[in-house]
Amino acid sequence: MKQKTAADTALRFAIAALLIGWVVSMVWLAGQPDWVGSAATLFFLIAMWAVGAIIQARDDRRLDEVELAAVRFGARWGLVAGVAFMNALVFLPPFHSLLTEIAGFLDRTDGGFPRAVEGRMFLLGIVSTFVAQEACRALLVAGWKWSKR
């Protein structure tokens, strides 16, 4: 793999700065309507995704053939493994209870009307699936590289 440049380091600092900016904006916008906080969150998530995509594209240009094959294998089969893993976990009572408790903890009230926990559980399930997919992808890439030594 080729050496990283100062631009690569700056892009990684940009991700950290965006994360810190998002946390600061959530504290700063605490008294505002929910749509303002949602818009700020959406902005920061899109910006972090864009910077992450740029980082990944720059990193992929420096890969050799074996590393590139490992990334392709992990991307192809990581999705299948992650979704299958999450589908299995959702049916296990301890994991389902954990998602319910997290969704209940995140539940807030506006003017005395409680919000539906089901929507939060759905979003937590999606986020958990993405995390499981990324973890499976990373494990498959590492396994591919280890097998090609």
N, C-alpha and C. Protein backbone atom coordinates (compact mmCIF):
# COMPACT_ATOMS: atom_id res chain seq x y z
N MET A 1 0.84 -1.17 0.00
CA MET A 1 0.00 0.00 0.00
C MET A 1 0.89 1.24 0.00
N LYS A 2 0.52 2.22 -0.78
CA LYS A 2 1.28 3.45 -0.88
C LYS A 2 1.08 4.30 0.38
N GLN A 3 1.99 5.25 0.58
CA GLN A 3 1.93 6.12 1.76
C GLN A 3 0.75 7.07 1.68
N LYS A 4 0.24 7.44 2.85
CA LYS A 4 -0.85 8.40 2.93
C LYS A 4 -0.28 9.81 2.90
N THR A 5 -1.07 10.74 2.39
CA THR A 5 -0.63 12.13 2.26
C THR A 5 -1.28 12.98 3.35
N ALA A 6 -0.92 14.26 3.36
CA ALA A 6 -1.51 15.19 4.32
C ALA A 6 -3.00 15.37 4.06
N ALA A 7 -3.42 15.28 2.81
CA ALA A 7 -4.85 15.39 2.49
C ALA A 7 -5.64 14.24 3.11
N ASP A 8 -5.07 13.05 3.14
CA ASP A 8 -5.74 11.92 3.77
C ASP A 8 -5.92 12.15 5.27
N THR A 9 -4.90 12.68 5.89
CA THR A 9 -4.98 12.99 7.32
C THR A 9 -6.01 14.09 7.57
N ALA A 10 -6.04 15.10 6.71
CA ALA A 10 -7.00 16.19 6.86
C ALA A 10 -8.43 15.69 6.70
N LEU A 11 -8.66 14.75 5.79
CA LEU A 11 -10.00 14.20 5.61
C LEU A 11 -10.45 13.43 6.84
N ARG A 12 -9.54 12.73 7.47
CA ARG A 12 -9.89 12.01 8.70
C ARG A 12 -10.19 12.97 9.84
N PHE A 13 -9.46 14.07 9.92
CA PHE A 13 -9.77 15.10 10.91
C PHE A 13 -11.12 15.75 10.59
N ALA A 14 -11.47 15.85 9.31
CA ALA A 14 -12.75 16.44 8.92
C ALA A 14 -13.91 15.59 9.44
N ILE A 15 -13.76 14.27 9.39
CA ILE A 15 -14.80 13.39 9.94
C ILE A 15 -14.97 13.66 11.44
N ALA A 16 -13.87 13.75 12.17
CA ALA A 16 -13.94 14.01 13.61
C ALA A 16 -14.55 15.39 13.87
N ALA A 17 -14.18 16.39 13.07
CA ALA A 17 -14.72 17.74 13.24
C ALA A 17 -16.23 17.75 12.97
N LEU A 18 -16.66 17.02 11.95
CA LEU A 18 -18.10 16.94 11.67
C LEU A 18 -18.85 16.26 12.81
N LEU A 19 -18.28 15.22 13.37
CA LEU A 19 -18.92 14.55 14.50
C LEU A 19 -19.03 15.48 15.70
N ILE A 20 -17.96 16.19 16.00
CA ILE A 20 -17.99 17.15 17.12
C ILE A 20 -18.99 18.28 16.81
N GLY A 21 -19.00 18.75 15.56
CA GLY A 21 -19.96 19.78 15.17
C GLY A 21 -21.40 19.33 15.32
N TRP A 22 -21.66 18.05 15.02
CA TRP A 22 -23.01 17.53 15.17
C TRP A 22 -23.41 17.51 16.65
N VAL A 23 -22.52 17.05 17.53
CA VAL A 23 -22.82 17.01 18.96
C VAL A 23 -23.06 18.42 19.48
N VAL A 24 -22.21 19.37 19.10
CA VAL A 24 -22.37 20.76 19.55
C VAL A 24 -23.68 21.33 19.02
N SER A 25 -24.04 21.03 17.78
CA SER A 25 -25.29 21.56 17.23
C SER A 25 -26.51 20.98 17.95
N MET A 26 -26.44 19.72 18.37
CA MET A 26 -27.56 19.13 19.10
C MET A 26 -27.76 19.81 20.45
N VAL A 27 -26.65 20.15 21.10
CA VAL A 27 -26.76 20.87 22.38
C VAL A 27 -27.27 22.29 22.13
N TRP A 28 -26.76 22.93 21.11
CA TRP A 28 -27.14 24.31 20.80
C TRP A 28 -28.59 24.42 20.35
N LEU A 29 -29.09 23.41 19.65
CA LEU A 29 -30.46 23.43 19.13
C LEU A 29 -31.45 22.71 20.03
N ALA A 30 -31.12 22.50 21.28
CA ALA A 30 -31.96 21.70 22.18
C ALA A 30 -33.36 22.28 22.35
N GLY A 31 -33.50 23.59 22.37
CA GLY A 31 -34.82 24.20 22.59
C GLY A 31 -35.61 24.42 21.32
N GLN A 32 -35.05 24.10 20.18
CA GLN A 32 -35.71 24.33 18.89
C GLN A 32 -36.70 23.20 18.59
N PRO A 33 -37.58 23.42 17.61
CA PRO A 33 -38.49 22.33 17.19
C PRO A 33 -37.70 21.12 16.67
N ASP A 34 -38.35 19.98 16.68
CA ASP A 34 -37.68 18.74 16.28
C ASP A 34 -37.18 18.77 14.84
N TRP A 35 -37.90 19.43 13.95
CA TRP A 35 -37.48 19.43 12.55
C TRP A 35 -36.15 20.15 12.37
N VAL A 36 -35.84 21.11 13.22
CA VAL A 36 -34.57 21.82 13.12
C VAL A 36 -33.42 20.87 13.49
N GLY A 37 -33.60 20.14 14.56
CA GLY A 37 -32.58 19.15 14.96
C GLY A 37 -32.44 18.04 13.94
N SER A 38 -33.57 17.62 13.35
CA SER A 38 -33.52 16.59 12.32
C SER A 38 -32.80 17.08 11.08
N ALA A 39 -33.03 18.34 10.71
CA ALA A 39 -32.35 18.90 9.54
C ALA A 39 -30.85 19.00 9.79
N ALA A 40 -30.47 19.42 10.99
CA ALA A 40 -29.04 19.51 11.32
C ALA A 40 -28.40 18.12 11.31
N THR A 41 -29.09 17.15 11.88
CA THR A 41 -28.57 15.78 11.88
C THR A 41 -28.43 15.26 10.46
N LEU A 42 -29.42 15.50 9.63
CA LEU A 42 -29.35 15.05 8.24
C LEU A 42 -28.18 15.70 7.52
N PHE A 43 -27.98 16.99 7.73
CA PHE A 43 -26.86 17.69 7.11
C PHE A 43 -25.53 17.06 7.51
N PHE A 44 -25.34 16.85 8.82
CA PHE A 44 -24.07 16.30 9.29
C PHE A 44 -23.87 14.85 8.83
N LEU A 45 -24.93 14.07 8.79
CA LEU A 45 -24.79 12.68 8.32
C LEU A 45 -24.43 12.63 6.84
N ILE A 46 -25.05 13.48 6.03
CA ILE A 46 -24.71 13.51 4.61
C ILE A 46 -23.28 13.99 4.41
N ALA A 47 -22.86 14.99 5.18
CA ALA A 47 -21.48 15.49 5.06
C ALA A 47 -20.48 14.42 5.49
N MET A 48 -20.77 13.69 6.58
CA MET A 48 -19.86 12.62 7.02
C MET A 48 -19.82 11.49 6.01
N TRP A 49 -20.98 11.16 5.42
CA TRP A 49 -21.01 10.13 4.39
C TRP A 49 -20.16 10.54 3.19
N ALA A 50 -20.29 11.79 2.77
CA ALA A 50 -19.53 12.27 1.60
C ALA A 50 -18.03 12.25 1.87
N VAL A 51 -17.62 12.73 3.03
CA VAL A 51 -16.19 12.70 3.37
C VAL A 51 -15.70 11.26 3.49
N GLY A 52 -16.51 10.39 4.06
CA GLY A 52 -16.14 8.98 4.15
C GLY A 52 -16.00 8.33 2.80
N ALA A 53 -16.88 8.69 1.85
CA ALA A 53 -16.77 8.15 0.49
C ALA A 53 -15.50 8.63 -0.19
N ILE A 54 -15.14 9.89 0.04
CA ILE A 54 -13.89 10.42 -0.53
C ILE A 54 -12.69 9.70 0.06
N ILE A 55 -12.71 9.48 1.37
CA ILE A 55 -11.61 8.75 2.04
C ILE A 55 -11.49 7.35 1.46
N GLN A 56 -12.62 6.66 1.31
CA GLN A 56 -12.60 5.29 0.79
C GLN A 56 -12.08 5.25 -0.64
N ALA A 57 -12.50 6.21 -1.46
CA ALA A 57 -12.03 6.24 -2.85
C ALA A 57 -10.52 6.49 -2.90
N ARG A 58 -10.02 7.38 -2.06
CA ARG A 58 -8.57 7.64 -2.03
C ARG A 58 -7.81 6.42 -1.53
N ASP A 59 -8.37 5.72 -0.54
CA ASP A 59 -7.71 4.52 -0.03
C ASP A 59 -7.71 3.39 -1.06
N ASP A 60 -8.80 3.25 -1.81
CA ASP A 60 -8.89 2.18 -2.80
C ASP A 60 -7.90 2.36 -3.95
N ARG A 61 -7.51 3.59 -4.24
CA ARG A 61 -6.53 3.81 -5.31
C ARG A 61 -5.16 3.29 -4.94
N ARG A 62 -4.90 3.10 -3.66
CA ARG A 62 -3.58 2.66 -3.22
C ARG A 62 -3.49 1.15 -2.98
N LEU A 63 -4.54 0.41 -3.27
CA LEU A 63 -4.55 -1.03 -3.00
C LEU A 63 -3.84 -1.81 -4.09
N ASP A 64 -3.20 -2.92 -3.68
CA ASP A 64 -2.64 -3.83 -4.68
C ASP A 64 -3.72 -4.85 -5.07
N GLU A 65 -3.37 -5.83 -5.90
CA GLU A 65 -4.36 -6.76 -6.44
C GLU A 65 -5.02 -7.61 -5.37
N VAL A 66 -4.22 -8.11 -4.42
CA VAL A 66 -4.78 -8.98 -3.38
C VAL A 66 -5.70 -8.18 -2.46
N GLU A 67 -5.29 -6.99 -2.08
CA GLU A 67 -6.13 -6.16 -1.22
C GLU A 67 -7.41 -5.74 -1.92
N LEU A 68 -7.32 -5.44 -3.20
CA LEU A 68 -8.51 -5.06 -3.97
C LEU A 68 -9.48 -6.23 -4.09
N ALA A 69 -8.94 -7.44 -4.29
CA ALA A 69 -9.80 -8.63 -4.34
C ALA A 69 -10.47 -8.86 -2.98
N ALA A 70 -9.74 -8.61 -1.89
CA ALA A 70 -10.31 -8.77 -0.55
C ALA A 70 -11.45 -7.79 -0.32
N VAL A 71 -11.27 -6.55 -0.75
CA VAL A 71 -12.31 -5.53 -0.59
C VAL A 71 -13.55 -5.91 -1.40
N ARG A 72 -13.35 -6.39 -2.62
CA ARG A 72 -14.50 -6.79 -3.45
C ARG A 72 -15.24 -7.98 -2.83
N PHE A 73 -14.48 -8.96 -2.34
CA PHE A 73 -15.10 -10.12 -1.70
C PHE A 73 -15.88 -9.70 -0.46
N GLY A 74 -15.28 -8.84 0.36
CA GLY A 74 -15.96 -8.39 1.57
C GLY A 74 -17.20 -7.58 1.26
N ALA A 75 -17.15 -6.73 0.25
CA ALA A 75 -18.32 -5.93 -0.11
C ALA A 75 -19.44 -6.81 -0.65
N ARG A 76 -19.07 -7.83 -1.42
CA ARG A 76 -20.08 -8.71 -2.02
C ARG A 76 -20.78 -9.56 -0.96
N TRP A 77 -20.02 -10.18 -0.09
CA TRP A 77 -20.59 -11.13 0.85
C TRP A 77 -20.87 -10.54 2.22
N GLY A 78 -20.35 -9.36 2.51
CA GLY A 78 -20.62 -8.73 3.79
C GLY A 78 -22.07 -8.35 3.95
N LEU A 79 -22.70 -7.92 2.87
CA LEU A 79 -24.12 -7.57 2.92
C LEU A 79 -24.96 -8.79 3.26
N VAL A 80 -24.69 -9.89 2.60
CA VAL A 80 -25.46 -11.12 2.84
C VAL A 80 -25.26 -11.60 4.27
N ALA A 81 -24.01 -11.62 4.72
CA ALA A 81 -23.72 -12.11 6.07
C ALA A 81 -24.31 -11.17 7.12
N GLY A 82 -24.20 -9.87 6.92
CA GLY A 82 -24.72 -8.91 7.90
C GLY A 82 -26.23 -8.98 8.04
N VAL A 83 -26.92 -9.04 6.92
CA VAL A 83 -28.39 -9.12 6.97
C VAL A 83 -28.84 -10.45 7.57
N ALA A 84 -28.19 -11.54 7.21
CA ALA A 84 -28.54 -12.84 7.79
C ALA A 84 -28.27 -12.86 9.30
N PHE A 85 -27.14 -12.28 9.70
CA PHE A 85 -26.80 -12.21 11.12
C PHE A 85 -27.85 -11.41 11.89
N MET A 86 -28.25 -10.26 11.36
CA MET A 86 -29.25 -9.43 12.06
C MET A 86 -30.61 -10.09 12.08
N ASN A 87 -30.99 -10.77 11.01
CA ASN A 87 -32.27 -11.47 11.02
C ASN A 87 -32.30 -12.55 12.08
N ALA A 88 -31.18 -13.23 12.27
CA ALA A 88 -31.11 -14.24 13.32
C ALA A 88 -31.16 -13.59 14.71
N LEU A 89 -30.46 -12.47 14.88
CA LEU A 89 -30.42 -11.82 16.19
C LEU A 89 -31.77 -11.22 16.59
N VAL A 90 -32.51 -10.70 15.62
CA VAL A 90 -33.78 -10.05 15.96
C VAL A 90 -34.76 -11.04 16.58
N PHE A 91 -34.64 -12.32 16.22
CA PHE A 91 -35.56 -13.31 16.77
C PHE A 91 -35.12 -13.85 18.12
N LEU A 92 -33.92 -13.47 18.57
CA LEU A 92 -33.49 -13.89 19.90
C LEU A 92 -34.04 -12.93 20.94
N PRO A 93 -34.71 -13.43 21.97
CA PRO A 93 -35.35 -12.54 22.94
C PRO A 93 -34.42 -11.52 23.62
N PRO A 94 -33.18 -11.87 24.00
CA PRO A 94 -32.36 -10.85 24.65
C PRO A 94 -32.06 -9.65 23.74
N PHE A 95 -31.78 -9.91 22.48
CA PHE A 95 -31.48 -8.81 21.56
C PHE A 95 -32.73 -7.99 21.28
N HIS A 96 -33.86 -8.65 21.12
CA HIS A 96 -35.12 -7.95 20.89
C HIS A 96 -35.46 -7.08 22.10
N SER A 97 -35.24 -7.59 23.30
CA SER A 97 -35.49 -6.80 24.51
C SER A 97 -34.54 -5.62 24.60
N LEU A 98 -33.29 -5.82 24.19
CA LEU A 98 -32.33 -4.72 24.21
C LEU A 98 -32.77 -3.60 23.27
N LEU A 99 -33.20 -3.94 22.05
CA LEU A 99 -33.69 -2.92 21.13
C LEU A 99 -34.92 -2.20 21.69
N THR A 100 -35.80 -2.94 22.34
CA THR A 100 -36.99 -2.33 22.94
C THR A 100 -36.61 -1.36 24.04
N GLU A 101 -35.66 -1.75 24.88
CA GLU A 101 -35.24 -0.87 25.97
C GLU A 101 -34.56 0.39 25.46
N ILE A 102 -33.72 0.25 24.43
CA ILE A 102 -33.07 1.42 23.85
C ILE A 102 -34.11 2.35 23.24
N ALA A 103 -35.07 1.79 22.52
CA ALA A 103 -36.12 2.61 21.92
C ALA A 103 -36.96 3.29 22.99
N GLY A 104 -37.24 2.60 24.08
CA GLY A 104 -37.98 3.21 25.18
C GLY A 104 -37.20 4.31 25.86
N PHE A 105 -35.89 4.13 25.97
CA PHE A 105 -35.04 5.15 26.57
C PHE A 105 -35.00 6.41 25.70
N LEU A 106 -35.02 6.24 24.39
CA LEU A 106 -34.99 7.37 23.47
C LEU A 106 -36.34 8.04 23.30
N ASP A 107 -37.39 7.44 23.84
CA ASP A 107 -38.73 7.99 23.69
C ASP A 107 -38.85 9.29 24.48
N ARG A 108 -39.37 10.32 23.81
CA ARG A 108 -39.60 11.61 24.46
C ARG A 108 -41.07 11.98 24.28
N THR A 109 -41.48 12.95 25.04
CA THR A 109 -42.86 13.41 24.88
C THR A 109 -42.85 14.86 24.44
N ASP A 110 -43.80 15.21 23.59
CA ASP A 110 -44.01 16.59 23.14
C ASP A 110 -45.42 16.99 23.57
N GLY A 111 -45.52 17.89 24.51
CA GLY A 111 -46.83 18.37 24.93
C GLY A 111 -47.68 17.29 25.58
N GLY A 112 -47.06 16.32 26.19
CA GLY A 112 -47.81 15.28 26.87
C GLY A 112 -48.22 14.11 26.00
N PHE A 113 -47.91 14.14 24.71
CA PHE A 113 -48.27 13.03 23.81
C PHE A 113 -47.04 12.16 23.58
N PRO A 114 -47.03 10.95 24.09
CA PRO A 114 -45.86 10.09 23.87
C PRO A 114 -45.74 9.68 22.41
N ARG A 115 -44.53 9.60 21.94
CA ARG A 115 -44.28 9.17 20.57
C ARG A 115 -44.27 7.65 20.50
N ALA A 116 -44.49 7.14 19.32
CA ALA A 116 -44.52 5.70 19.13
C ALA A 116 -43.12 5.10 19.22
N VAL A 117 -42.99 4.05 19.99
CA VAL A 117 -41.71 3.37 20.16
C VAL A 117 -41.41 2.51 18.93
N GLU A 118 -42.43 2.11 18.19
CA GLU A 118 -42.23 1.21 17.05
C GLU A 118 -41.35 1.85 15.98
N GLY A 119 -41.53 3.13 15.74
CA GLY A 119 -40.71 3.82 14.74
C GLY A 119 -39.24 3.85 15.15
N ARG A 120 -38.99 4.08 16.42
CA ARG A 120 -37.61 4.07 16.91
C ARG A 120 -37.02 2.66 16.83
N MET A 121 -37.82 1.65 17.12
CA MET A 121 -37.32 0.27 17.02
C MET A 121 -36.99 -0.07 15.58
N PHE A 122 -37.80 0.39 14.64
CA PHE A 122 -37.54 0.14 13.23
C PHE A 122 -36.21 0.78 12.83
N LEU A 123 -35.98 2.03 13.22
CA LEU A 123 -34.72 2.70 12.89
C LEU A 123 -33.54 2.04 13.58
N LEU A 124 -33.70 1.63 14.83
CA LEU A 124 -32.62 0.92 15.52
C LEU A 124 -32.31 -0.40 14.83
N GLY A 125 -33.33 -1.07 14.33
CA GLY A 125 -33.11 -2.31 13.60
C GLY A 125 -32.32 -2.08 12.32
N ILE A 126 -32.65 -1.00 11.61
CA ILE A 126 -31.91 -0.68 10.38
C ILE A 126 -30.46 -0.34 10.70
N VAL A 127 -30.26 0.51 11.71
CA VAL A 127 -28.90 0.88 12.08
C VAL A 127 -28.11 -0.34 12.54
N SER A 128 -28.75 -1.21 13.32
CA SER A 128 -28.08 -2.43 13.78
C SER A 128 -27.70 -3.32 12.61
N THR A 129 -28.55 -3.39 11.60
CA THR A 129 -28.24 -4.18 10.42
C THR A 129 -27.04 -3.61 9.68
N PHE A 130 -26.97 -2.28 9.54
CA PHE A 130 -25.82 -1.66 8.89
C PHE A 130 -24.54 -1.92 9.67
N VAL A 131 -24.61 -1.85 10.99
CA VAL A 131 -23.43 -2.11 11.82
C VAL A 131 -23.00 -3.57 11.66
N ALA A 132 -23.95 -4.49 11.68
CA ALA A 132 -23.62 -5.91 11.51
C ALA A 132 -23.05 -6.17 10.13
N GLN A 133 -23.59 -5.51 9.11
CA GLN A 133 -23.07 -5.69 7.75
C GLN A 133 -21.64 -5.19 7.65
N GLU A 134 -21.36 -4.04 8.24
CA GLU A 134 -20.00 -3.50 8.19
C GLU A 134 -19.03 -4.38 8.98
N ALA A 135 -19.47 -4.90 10.12
CA ALA A 135 -18.61 -5.80 10.90
C ALA A 135 -18.33 -7.08 10.13
N CYS A 136 -19.34 -7.65 9.49
CA CYS A 136 -19.13 -8.87 8.69
C CYS A 136 -18.23 -8.58 7.49
N ARG A 137 -18.39 -7.43 6.87
CA ARG A 137 -17.54 -7.06 5.75
C ARG A 137 -16.08 -6.97 6.18
N ALA A 138 -15.84 -6.32 7.32
CA ALA A 138 -14.47 -6.18 7.82
C ALA A 138 -13.86 -7.55 8.15
N LEU A 139 -14.66 -8.43 8.75
CA LEU A 139 -14.16 -9.77 9.08
C LEU A 139 -13.87 -10.57 7.81
N LEU A 140 -14.71 -10.46 6.80
CA LEU A 140 -14.48 -11.18 5.55
C LEU A 140 -13.24 -10.66 4.82
N VAL A 141 -13.03 -9.35 4.83
CA VAL A 141 -11.83 -8.77 4.21
C VAL A 141 -10.59 -9.26 4.93
N ALA A 142 -10.62 -9.24 6.27
CA ALA A 142 -9.47 -9.71 7.04
C ALA A 142 -9.21 -11.20 6.80
N GLY A 143 -10.29 -11.99 6.73
CA GLY A 143 -10.13 -13.42 6.46
C GLY A 143 -9.57 -13.69 5.08
N TRP A 144 -10.01 -12.92 4.09
CA TRP A 144 -9.49 -13.08 2.73
C TRP A 144 -8.00 -12.76 2.69
N LYS A 145 -7.62 -11.66 3.29
CA LYS A 145 -6.19 -11.27 3.30
C LYS A 145 -5.35 -12.32 4.04
N TRP A 146 -5.87 -12.84 5.16
CA TRP A 146 -5.13 -13.82 5.93
C TRP A 146 -4.97 -15.12 5.14
N SER A 147 -6.00 -15.51 4.36
CA SER A 147 -5.94 -16.75 3.59
C SER A 147 -4.99 -16.64 2.40
N LYS A 148 -4.69 -15.45 1.96
CA LYS A 148 -3.82 -15.26 0.80
C LYS A 148 -2.37 -14.98 1.16
N ARG A 149 -2.01 -15.16 2.40
CA ARG A 149 -0.62 -14.95 2.83
C ARG A 149 0.29 -15.95 2.19
